[in-house]
Amino acid sequence: MWSLPKHIMEHAEACPEATPLCPGALLHLGKRAAVDQALSRLARSGKLLRICQGVYMRPIETRFGIRAPGLVWARQSLHFPYYGVRRSCPVAVQQPTVLA
């Protein structure tokens, strides 16, 4: 049986850490309403984190448990010009460089 949440999680696990998942980038998996519903249910179950409206990220699993992606990495991958305004949702994002 074909399962949309399963395919979304496979897609999320194939992406690097702090890669945003947006419904518009997942439309190849199903209709918009179905993708929105699946993302919402995955966030409610704790498999994805809802960062802001329409943007989700996969939590990071460490030996100490589950944690959110690093704030610096998440912010760089979202390409916020400033907090509160999201211009677009990137489909493919490079790993940001961390400055020491």
PDB file of N, CA and C in Angstrom:
ATOM      1  N   MET A   1       0.839  -1.188   0.000  1.00  0.00           N
ATOM      2  CA  MET A   1       0.000   0.000   0.000  1.00  0.00           C
ATOM      3  C   MET A   1       0.876   1.240   0.000  1.00  0.00           C
ATOM      4  N   TRP A   2       0.504   2.237  -0.801  1.00  0.00           N
ATOM      5  CA  TRP A   2       1.252   3.472  -0.937  1.00  0.00           C
ATOM      6  C   TRP A   2       0.918   4.389   0.230  1.00  0.00           C
ATOM      7  N   SER A   3       1.943   4.888   0.916  1.00  0.00           N
ATOM      8  CA  SER A   3       1.723   5.725   2.089  1.00  0.00           C
ATOM      9  C   SER A   3       2.451   7.051   1.910  1.00  0.00           C
ATOM     10  N   LEU A   4       1.700   8.130   1.840  1.00  0.00           N
ATOM     11  CA  LEU A   4       2.289   9.444   1.650  1.00  0.00           C
ATOM     12  C   LEU A   4       3.208   9.845   2.806  1.00  0.00           C
ATOM     13  N   PRO A   5       2.805   9.676   4.072  1.00  0.00           N
ATOM     14  CA  PRO A   5       3.728  10.037   5.167  1.00  0.00           C
ATOM     15  C   PRO A   5       5.043   9.258   5.111  1.00  0.00           C
ATOM     16  N   LYS A   6       4.975   8.004   4.720  1.00  0.00           N
ATOM     17  CA  LYS A   6       6.193   7.198   4.606  1.00  0.00           C
ATOM     18  C   LYS A   6       7.121   7.777   3.546  1.00  0.00           C
ATOM     19  N   HIS A   7       6.574   8.166   2.413  1.00  0.00           N
ATOM     20  CA  HIS A   7       7.382   8.743   1.336  1.00  0.00           C
ATOM     21  C   HIS A   7       7.941  10.112   1.736  1.00  0.00           C
ATOM     22  N   ILE A   8       7.164  10.888   2.470  1.00  0.00           N
ATOM     23  CA  ILE A   8       7.666  12.188   2.945  1.00  0.00           C
ATOM     24  C   ILE A   8       8.827  11.982   3.905  1.00  0.00           C
ATOM     25  N   MET A   9       8.722  11.002   4.809  1.00  0.00           N
ATOM     26  CA  MET A   9       9.815  10.738   5.748  1.00  0.00           C
ATOM     27  C   MET A   9      11.052  10.202   5.024  1.00  0.00           C
ATOM     28  N   GLU A  10      10.879   9.386   3.998  1.00  0.00           N
ATOM     29  CA  GLU A  10      12.016   8.918   3.206  1.00  0.00           C
ATOM     30  C   GLU A  10      12.707  10.094   2.530  1.00  0.00           C
ATOM     31  N   HIS A  11      11.910  11.034   2.019  1.00  0.00           N
ATOM     32  CA  HIS A  11      12.464  12.230   1.389  1.00  0.00           C
ATOM     33  C   HIS A  11      13.207  13.076   2.420  1.00  0.00           C
ATOM     34  N   ALA A  12      12.636  13.231   3.600  1.00  0.00           N
ATOM     35  CA  ALA A  12      13.259  14.034   4.658  1.00  0.00           C
ATOM     36  C   ALA A  12      14.563  13.412   5.132  1.00  0.00           C
ATOM     37  N   GLU A  13      14.593  12.088   5.245  1.00  0.00           N
ATOM     38  CA  GLU A  13      15.803  11.412   5.712  1.00  0.00           C
ATOM     39  C   GLU A  13      16.914  11.447   4.674  1.00  0.00           C
ATOM     40  N   ALA A  14      16.569  11.607   3.403  1.00  0.00           N
ATOM     41  CA  ALA A  14      17.578  11.690   2.349  1.00  0.00           C
ATOM     42  C   ALA A  14      18.209  13.080   2.278  1.00  0.00           C
ATOM     43  N   CYS A  15      17.561  14.073   2.876  1.00  0.00           N
ATOM     44  CA  CYS A  15      18.076  15.447   2.856  1.00  0.00           C
ATOM     45  C   CYS A  15      19.059  15.666   4.002  1.00  0.00           C
ATOM     46  N   PRO A  16      20.008  16.605   3.830  1.00  0.00           N
ATOM     47  CA  PRO A  16      20.935  16.898   4.924  1.00  0.00           C
ATOM     48  C   PRO A  16      20.253  17.575   6.108  1.00  0.00           C
ATOM     49  N   GLU A  17      20.973  17.672   7.219  1.00  0.00           N
ATOM     50  CA  GLU A  17      20.450  18.295   8.432  1.00  0.00           C
ATOM     51  C   GLU A  17      20.003  19.725   8.146  1.00  0.00           C
ATOM     52  N   ALA A  18      18.917  20.113   8.778  1.00  0.00           N
ATOM     53  CA  ALA A  18      18.357  21.467   8.710  1.00  0.00           C
ATOM     54  C   ALA A  18      17.871  21.844   7.324  1.00  0.00           C
ATOM     55  N   THR A  19      17.496  20.868   6.512  1.00  0.00           N
ATOM     56  CA  THR A  19      16.901  21.170   5.214  1.00  0.00           C
ATOM     57  C   THR A  19      15.406  21.379   5.406  1.00  0.00           C
ATOM     58  N   PRO A  20      14.891  22.542   5.010  1.00  0.00           N
ATOM     59  CA  PRO A  20      13.457  22.776   5.178  1.00  0.00           C
ATOM     60  C   PRO A  20      12.635  21.922   4.213  1.00  0.00           C
ATOM     61  N   LEU A  21      11.510  21.460   4.693  1.00  0.00           N
ATOM     62  CA  LEU A  21      10.560  20.725   3.864  1.00  0.00           C
ATOM     63  C   LEU A  21       9.326  21.594   3.721  1.00  0.00           C
ATOM     64  N   CYS A  22       8.973  21.888   2.490  1.00  0.00           N
ATOM     65  CA  CYS A  22       7.812  22.727   2.212  1.00  0.00           C
ATOM     66  C   CYS A  22       6.819  21.931   1.384  1.00  0.00           C
ATOM     67  N   PRO A  23       5.537  22.144   1.586  1.00  0.00           N
ATOM     68  CA  PRO A  23       4.538  21.404   0.813  1.00  0.00           C
ATOM     69  C   PRO A  23       4.706  21.573  -0.693  1.00  0.00           C
ATOM     70  N   GLY A  24       5.108  22.754  -1.123  1.00  0.00           N
ATOM     71  CA  GLY A  24       5.281  23.000  -2.551  1.00  0.00           C
ATOM     72  C   GLY A  24       6.385  22.167  -3.176  1.00  0.00           C
ATOM     73  N   ALA A  25       7.383  21.806  -2.388  1.00  0.00           N
ATOM     74  CA  ALA A  25       8.487  21.000  -2.892  1.00  0.00           C
ATOM     75  C   ALA A  25       8.164  19.511  -2.866  1.00  0.00           C
ATOM     76  N   LEU A  26       7.032  19.133  -2.288  1.00  0.00           N
ATOM     77  CA  LEU A  26       6.664  17.722  -2.174  1.00  0.00           C
ATOM     78  C   LEU A  26       5.451  17.366  -3.029  1.00  0.00           C
ATOM     79  N   LEU A  27       5.087  18.231  -3.947  1.00  0.00           N
ATOM     80  CA  LEU A  27       3.889  17.997  -4.756  1.00  0.00           C
ATOM     81  C   LEU A  27       4.058  16.837  -5.730  1.00  0.00           C
ATOM     82  N   HIS A  28       5.293  16.390  -5.958  1.00  0.00           N
ATOM     83  CA  HIS A  28       5.490  15.224  -6.815  1.00  0.00           C
ATOM     84  C   HIS A  28       5.016  13.944  -6.119  1.00  0.00           C
ATOM     85  N   LEU A  29       4.766  14.033  -4.806  1.00  0.00           N
ATOM     86  CA  LEU A  29       4.306  12.871  -4.037  1.00  0.00           C
ATOM     87  C   LEU A  29       2.788  12.757  -3.958  1.00  0.00           C
ATOM     88  N   GLY A  30       2.085  13.855  -4.180  1.00  0.00           N
ATOM     89  CA  GLY A  30       0.624  13.810  -4.090  1.00  0.00           C
ATOM     90  C   GLY A  30       0.020  15.187  -4.235  1.00  0.00           C
ATOM     91  N   LYS A  31      -1.295  15.262  -4.049  1.00  0.00           N
ATOM     92  CA  LYS A  31      -1.998  16.539  -4.143  1.00  0.00           C
ATOM     93  C   LYS A  31      -1.657  17.426  -2.959  1.00  0.00           C
ATOM     94  N   ARG A  32      -1.830  18.726  -3.131  1.00  0.00           N
ATOM     95  CA  ARG A  32      -1.440  19.701  -2.110  1.00  0.00           C
ATOM     96  C   ARG A  32      -2.141  19.457  -0.774  1.00  0.00           C
ATOM     97  N   ALA A  33      -3.431  19.203  -0.810  1.00  0.00           N
ATOM     98  CA  ALA A  33      -4.170  18.988   0.441  1.00  0.00           C
ATOM     99  C   ALA A  33      -3.669  17.742   1.168  1.00  0.00           C
ATOM    100  N   ALA A  34      -3.371  16.698   0.412  1.00  0.00           N
ATOM    101  CA  ALA A  34      -2.873  15.463   1.029  1.00  0.00           C
ATOM    102  C   ALA A  34      -1.490  15.669   1.623  1.00  0.00           C
ATOM    103  N   VAL A  35      -0.634  16.415   0.928  1.00  0.00           N
ATOM    104  CA  VAL A  35       0.716  16.699   1.437  1.00  0.00           C
ATOM    105  C   VAL A  35       0.627  17.552   2.692  1.00  0.00           C
ATOM    106  N   ASP A  36      -0.213  18.586   2.682  1.00  0.00           N
ATOM    107  CA  ASP A  36      -0.403  19.428   3.870  1.00  0.00           C
ATOM    108  C   ASP A  36      -0.879  18.608   5.061  1.00  0.00           C
ATOM    109  N   GLN A  37      -1.846  17.735   4.830  1.00  0.00           N
ATOM    110  CA  GLN A  37      -2.393  16.911   5.903  1.00  0.00           C
ATOM    111  C   GLN A  37      -1.336  15.952   6.448  1.00  0.00           C
ATOM    112  N   ALA A  38      -0.561  15.339   5.553  1.00  0.00           N
ATOM    113  CA  ALA A  38       0.477  14.400   5.986  1.00  0.00           C
ATOM    114  C   ALA A  38       1.568  15.119   6.786  1.00  0.00           C
ATOM    115  N   LEU A  39       1.985  16.308   6.340  1.00  0.00           N
ATOM    116  CA  LEU A  39       2.994  17.072   7.079  1.00  0.00           C
ATOM    117  C   LEU A  39       2.469  17.464   8.458  1.00  0.00           C
ATOM    118  N   SER A  40       1.223  17.869   8.524  1.00  0.00           N
ATOM    119  CA  SER A  40       0.623  18.251   9.796  1.00  0.00           C
ATOM    120  C   SER A  40       0.583  17.064  10.759  1.00  0.00           C
ATOM    121  N   ARG A  41       0.199  15.913  10.255  1.00  0.00           N
ATOM    122  CA  ARG A  41       0.131  14.722  11.106  1.00  0.00           C
ATOM    123  C   ARG A  41       1.518  14.252  11.536  1.00  0.00           C
ATOM    124  N   LEU A  42       2.507  14.358  10.645  1.00  0.00           N
ATOM    125  CA  LEU A  42       3.874  13.987  11.014  1.00  0.00           C
ATOM    126  C   LEU A  42       4.421  14.932  12.083  1.00  0.00           C
ATOM    127  N   ALA A  43       4.072  16.210  11.991  1.00  0.00           N
ATOM    128  CA  ALA A  43       4.515  17.172  13.009  1.00  0.00           C
ATOM    129  C   ALA A  43       3.829  16.891  14.342  1.00  0.00           C
ATOM    130  N   ARG A  44       2.548  16.571  14.304  1.00  0.00           N
ATOM    131  CA  ARG A  44       1.814  16.254  15.529  1.00  0.00           C
ATOM    132  C   ARG A  44       2.359  15.004  16.218  1.00  0.00           C
ATOM    133  N   SER A  45       2.830  14.042  15.420  1.00  0.00           N
ATOM    134  CA  SER A  45       3.361  12.800  15.993  1.00  0.00           C
ATOM    135  C   SER A  45       4.816  12.946  16.437  1.00  0.00           C
ATOM    136  N   GLY A  46       5.460  14.078  16.115  1.00  0.00           N
ATOM    137  CA  GLY A  46       6.830  14.308  16.554  1.00  0.00           C
ATOM    138  C   GLY A  46       7.893  13.845  15.574  1.00  0.00           C
ATOM    139  N   LYS A  47       7.491  13.350  14.415  1.00  0.00           N
ATOM    140  CA  LYS A  47       8.469  12.900  13.427  1.00  0.00           C
ATOM    141  C   LYS A  47       9.068  14.052  12.646  1.00  0.00           C
ATOM    142  N   LEU A  48       8.348  15.174  12.561  1.00  0.00           N
ATOM    143  CA  LEU A  48       8.839  16.403  11.941  1.00  0.00           C
ATOM    144  C   LEU A  48       8.599  17.551  12.905  1.00  0.00           C
ATOM    145  N   LEU A  49       9.374  18.617  12.748  1.00  0.00           N
ATOM    146  CA  LEU A  49       9.187  19.831  13.537  1.00  0.00           C
ATOM    147  C   LEU A  49       8.604  20.908  12.653  1.00  0.00           C
ATOM    148  N   ARG A  50       7.584  21.582  13.121  1.00  0.00           N
ATOM    149  CA  ARG A  50       7.012  22.712  12.379  1.00  0.00           C
ATOM    150  C   ARG A  50       7.790  23.949  12.788  1.00  0.00           C
ATOM    151  N   ILE A  51       8.532  24.512  11.857  1.00  0.00           N
ATOM    152  CA  ILE A  51       9.379  25.669  12.125  1.00  0.00           C
ATOM    153  C   ILE A  51       8.551  26.953  12.059  1.00  0.00           C
ATOM    154  N   CYS A  52       7.793  27.113  10.997  1.00  0.00           N
ATOM    155  CA  CYS A  52       6.852  28.229  10.840  1.00  0.00           C
ATOM    156  C   CYS A  52       5.793  27.765   9.857  1.00  0.00           C
ATOM    157  N   GLN A  53       4.899  28.634   9.505  1.00  0.00           N
ATOM    158  CA  GLN A  53       3.793  28.248   8.637  1.00  0.00           C
ATOM    159  C   GLN A  53       4.321  27.692   7.317  1.00  0.00           C
ATOM    160  N   GLY A  54       4.031  26.426   7.049  1.00  0.00           N
ATOM    161  CA  GLY A  54       4.416  25.813   5.791  1.00  0.00           C
ATOM    162  C   GLY A  54       5.850  25.343   5.705  1.00  0.00           C
ATOM    163  N   VAL A  55       6.599  25.372   6.799  1.00  0.00           N
ATOM    164  CA  VAL A  55       8.000  24.939   6.782  1.00  0.00           C
ATOM    165  C   VAL A  55       8.215  23.936   7.905  1.00  0.00           C
ATOM    166  N   TYR A  56       8.743  22.782   7.543  1.00  0.00           N
ATOM    167  CA  TYR A  56       8.991  21.700   8.493  1.00  0.00           C
ATOM    168  C   TYR A  56      10.446  21.266   8.374  1.00  0.00           C
ATOM    169  N   MET A  57      10.982  20.698   9.448  1.00  0.00           N
ATOM    170  CA  MET A  57      12.323  20.126   9.446  1.00  0.00           C
ATOM    171  C   MET A  57      12.300  18.822  10.223  1.00  0.00           C
ATOM    172  N   ARG A  58      13.206  17.927   9.856  1.00  0.00           N
ATOM    173  CA  ARG A  58      13.323  16.652  10.542  1.00  0.00           C
ATOM    174  C   ARG A  58      14.162  16.842  11.795  1.00  0.00           C
ATOM    175  N   PRO A  59      13.723  16.332  12.948  1.00  0.00           N
ATOM    176  CA  PRO A  59      14.544  16.422  14.151  1.00  0.00           C
ATOM    177  C   PRO A  59      15.803  15.563  14.001  1.00  0.00           C
ATOM    178  N   ILE A  60      16.839  15.938  14.721  1.00  0.00           N
ATOM    179  CA  ILE A  60      18.112  15.235  14.668  1.00  0.00           C
ATOM    180  C   ILE A  60      18.147  14.208  15.794  1.00  0.00           C
ATOM    181  N   GLU A  61      18.498  12.977  15.448  1.00  0.00           N
ATOM    182  CA  GLU A  61      18.611  11.933  16.452  1.00  0.00           C
ATOM    183  C   GLU A  61      20.072  11.802  16.866  1.00  0.00           C
ATOM    184  N   THR A  62      20.344  11.964  18.155  1.00  0.00           N
ATOM    185  CA  THR A  62      21.685  11.806  18.692  1.00  0.00           C
ATOM    186  C   THR A  62      21.679  10.660  19.689  1.00  0.00           C
ATOM    187  N   ARG A  63      22.831  10.357  20.236  1.00  0.00           N
ATOM    188  CA  ARG A  63      22.881   9.272  21.223  1.00  0.00           C
ATOM    189  C   ARG A  63      22.174   9.661  22.513  1.00  0.00           C
ATOM    190  N   PHE A  64      21.911  10.961  22.705  1.00  0.00           N
ATOM    191  CA  PHE A  64      21.217  11.443  23.902  1.00  0.00           C
ATOM    192  C   PHE A  64      19.720  11.603  23.691  1.00  0.00           C
ATOM    193  N   GLY A  65      19.265  11.418  22.467  1.00  0.00           N
ATOM    194  CA  GLY A  65      17.844  11.559  22.179  1.00  0.00           C
ATOM    195  C   GLY A  65      17.605  12.426  20.954  1.00  0.00           C
ATOM    196  N   ILE A  66      16.419  12.929  20.843  1.00  0.00           N
ATOM    197  CA  ILE A  66      16.031  13.736  19.686  1.00  0.00           C
ATOM    198  C   ILE A  66      16.168  15.212  20.037  1.00  0.00           C
ATOM    199  N   ARG A  67      16.691  15.999  19.084  1.00  0.00           N
ATOM    200  CA  ARG A  67      16.825  17.435  19.286  1.00  0.00           C
ATOM    201  C   ARG A  67      16.463  18.157  17.992  1.00  0.00           C
ATOM    202  N   ALA A  68      16.213  19.438  18.102  1.00  0.00           N
ATOM    203  CA  ALA A  68      15.931  20.265  16.928  1.00  0.00           C
ATOM    204  C   ALA A  68      17.242  20.562  16.198  1.00  0.00           C
ATOM    205  N   PRO A  69      17.183  20.887  14.905  1.00  0.00           N
ATOM    206  CA  PRO A  69      18.395  21.284  14.196  1.00  0.00           C
ATOM    207  C   PRO A  69      18.990  22.540  14.826  1.00  0.00           C
ATOM    208  N   GLY A  70      20.283  22.717  14.681  1.00  0.00           N
ATOM    209  CA  GLY A  70      20.946  23.892  15.226  1.00  0.00           C
ATOM    210  C   GLY A  70      20.340  25.171  14.685  1.00  0.00           C
ATOM    211  N   LEU A  71      20.206  26.176  15.531  1.00  0.00           N
ATOM    212  CA  LEU A  71      19.560  27.424  15.144  1.00  0.00           C
ATOM    213  C   LEU A  71      20.293  28.113  14.003  1.00  0.00           C
ATOM    214  N   VAL A  72      21.611  28.148  14.054  1.00  0.00           N
ATOM    215  CA  VAL A  72      22.390  28.808  13.002  1.00  0.00           C
ATOM    216  C   VAL A  72      22.178  28.090  11.673  1.00  0.00           C
ATOM    217  N   TRP A  73      22.244  26.765  11.696  1.00  0.00           N
ATOM    218  CA  TRP A  73      22.062  25.994  10.468  1.00  0.00           C
ATOM    219  C   TRP A  73      20.651  26.166   9.919  1.00  0.00           C
ATOM    220  N   ALA A  74      19.665  26.104  10.784  1.00  0.00           N
ATOM    221  CA  ALA A  74      18.277  26.221  10.344  1.00  0.00           C
ATOM    222  C   ALA A  74      18.010  27.608   9.755  1.00  0.00           C
ATOM    223  N   ARG A  75      18.511  28.634  10.402  1.00  0.00           N
ATOM    224  CA  ARG A  75      18.281  29.991   9.910  1.00  0.00           C
ATOM    225  C   ARG A  75      18.964  30.210   8.570  1.00  0.00           C
ATOM    226  N   GLN A  76      20.189  29.717   8.417  1.00  0.00           N
ATOM    227  CA  GLN A  76      20.900  29.879   7.152  1.00  0.00           C
ATOM    228  C   GLN A  76      20.219  29.106   6.033  1.00  0.00           C
ATOM    229  N   SER A  77      19.709  27.926   6.351  1.00  0.00           N
ATOM    230  CA  SER A  77      19.076  27.129   5.309  1.00  0.00           C
ATOM    231  C   SER A  77      17.729  27.706   4.883  1.00  0.00           C
ATOM    232  N   LEU A  78      17.084  28.464   5.738  1.00  0.00           N
ATOM    233  CA  LEU A  78      15.807  29.087   5.381  1.00  0.00           C
ATOM    234  C   LEU A  78      15.982  30.370   4.587  1.00  0.00           C
ATOM    235  N   HIS A  79      17.180  30.950   4.585  1.00  0.00           N
ATOM    236  CA  HIS A  79      17.466  32.184   3.844  1.00  0.00           C
ATOM    237  C   HIS A  79      16.553  33.323   4.256  1.00  0.00           C
ATOM    238  N   PHE A  80      16.396  33.518   5.569  1.00  0.00           N
ATOM    239  CA  PHE A  80      15.592  34.630   6.041  1.00  0.00           C
ATOM    240  C   PHE A  80      16.344  35.932   5.794  1.00  0.00           C
ATOM    241  N   PRO A  81      15.745  36.899   5.081  1.00  0.00           N
ATOM    242  CA  PRO A  81      16.387  38.209   4.984  1.00  0.00           C
ATOM    243  C   PRO A  81      16.398  38.881   6.362  1.00  0.00           C
ATOM    244  N   TYR A  82      15.370  38.674   7.135  1.00  0.00           N
ATOM    245  CA  TYR A  82      15.316  39.048   8.551  1.00  0.00           C
ATOM    246  C   TYR A  82      14.191  38.240   9.157  1.00  0.00           C
ATOM    247  N   TYR A  83      14.192  38.121  10.465  1.00  0.00           N
ATOM    248  CA  TYR A  83      13.210  37.268  11.125  1.00  0.00           C
ATOM    249  C   TYR A  83      11.791  37.710  10.810  1.00  0.00           C
ATOM    250  N   GLY A  84      10.947  36.743  10.578  1.00  0.00           N
ATOM    251  CA  GLY A  84       9.535  37.023  10.389  1.00  0.00           C
ATOM    252  C   GLY A  84       9.087  37.075   8.946  1.00  0.00           C
ATOM    253  N   VAL A  85       9.994  37.181   7.986  1.00  0.00           N
ATOM    254  CA  VAL A  85       9.596  37.253   6.588  1.00  0.00           C
ATOM    255  C   VAL A  85      10.287  36.142   5.821  1.00  0.00           C
ATOM    256  N   ARG A  86       9.479  35.297   5.216  1.00  0.00           N
ATOM    257  CA  ARG A  86      10.012  34.199   4.412  1.00  0.00           C
ATOM    258  C   ARG A  86       9.644  34.485   2.966  1.00  0.00           C
ATOM    259  N   ARG A  87      10.641  34.680   2.124  1.00  0.00           N
ATOM    260  CA  ARG A  87      10.361  35.024   0.734  1.00  0.00           C
ATOM    261  C   ARG A  87       9.949  33.795  -0.076  1.00  0.00           C
ATOM    262  N   SER A  88      10.686  32.719   0.054  1.00  0.00           N
ATOM    263  CA  SER A  88      10.360  31.511  -0.697  1.00  0.00           C
ATOM    264  C   SER A  88      10.915  30.313   0.056  1.00  0.00           C
ATOM    265  N   CYS A  89      10.466  29.163  -0.339  1.00  0.00           N
ATOM    266  CA  CYS A  89      10.948  27.943   0.287  1.00  0.00           C
ATOM    267  C   CYS A  89      11.889  27.260  -0.682  1.00  0.00           C
ATOM    268  N   PRO A  90      13.158  27.119  -0.331  1.00  0.00           N
ATOM    269  CA  PRO A  90      14.096  26.479  -1.247  1.00  0.00           C
ATOM    270  C   PRO A  90      13.820  24.985  -1.366  1.00  0.00           C
ATOM    271  N   VAL A  91      14.040  24.456  -2.541  1.00  0.00           N
ATOM    272  CA  VAL A  91      13.849  23.032  -2.763  1.00  0.00           C
ATOM    273  C   VAL A  91      15.121  22.285  -2.389  1.00  0.00           C
ATOM    274  N   ALA A  92      16.252  22.762  -2.871  1.00  0.00           N
ATOM    275  CA  ALA A  92      17.530  22.129  -2.544  1.00  0.00           C
ATOM    276  C   ALA A  92      18.420  23.160  -1.864  1.00  0.00           C
ATOM    277  N   VAL A  93      18.968  22.809  -0.737  1.00  0.00           N
ATOM    278  CA  VAL A  93      19.777  23.727   0.050  1.00  0.00           C
ATOM    279  C   VAL A  93      21.111  23.077   0.350  1.00  0.00           C
ATOM    280  N   GLN A  94      22.202  23.845   0.186  1.00  0.00           N
ATOM    281  CA  GLN A  94      23.515  23.324   0.538  1.00  0.00           C
ATOM    282  C   GLN A  94      23.681  23.351   2.033  1.00  0.00           C
ATOM    283  N   GLN A  95      24.617  22.530   2.523  1.00  0.00           N
ATOM    284  CA  GLN A  95      24.938  22.579   3.948  1.00  0.00           C
ATOM    285  C   GLN A  95      25.606  23.925   4.232  1.00  0.00           C
ATOM    286  N   PRO A  96      25.107  24.690   5.181  1.00  0.00           N
ATOM    287  CA  PRO A  96      25.722  25.964   5.523  1.00  0.00           C
ATOM    288  C   PRO A  96      27.054  25.744   6.239  1.00  0.00           C
ATOM    289  N   THR A  97      27.946  26.695   6.071  1.00  0.00           N
ATOM    290  CA  THR A  97      29.229  26.601   6.751  1.00  0.00           C
ATOM    291  C   THR A  97      29.087  27.216   8.129  1.00  0.00           C
ATOM    292  N   VAL A  98      29.684  26.581   9.112  1.00  0.00           N
ATOM    293  CA  VAL A  98      29.611  27.061  10.481  1.00  0.00           C
ATOM    294  C   VAL A  98      30.889  27.808  10.783  1.00  0.00           C
ATOM    295  N   LEU A  99      30.738  29.067  11.192  1.00  0.00           N
ATOM    296  CA  LEU A  99      31.891  29.879  11.524  1.00  0.00           C
ATOM    297  C   LEU A  99      32.274  29.656  12.971  1.00  0.00           C
ATOM    298  N   ALA A 100      33.549  29.522  13.225  1.00  0.00           N
ATOM    299  CA  ALA A 100      34.023  29.259  14.588  1.00  0.00           C
ATOM    300  C   ALA A 100      34.039  30.499  15.428  1.00  0.00           C
TER     301      ALA A 100
END
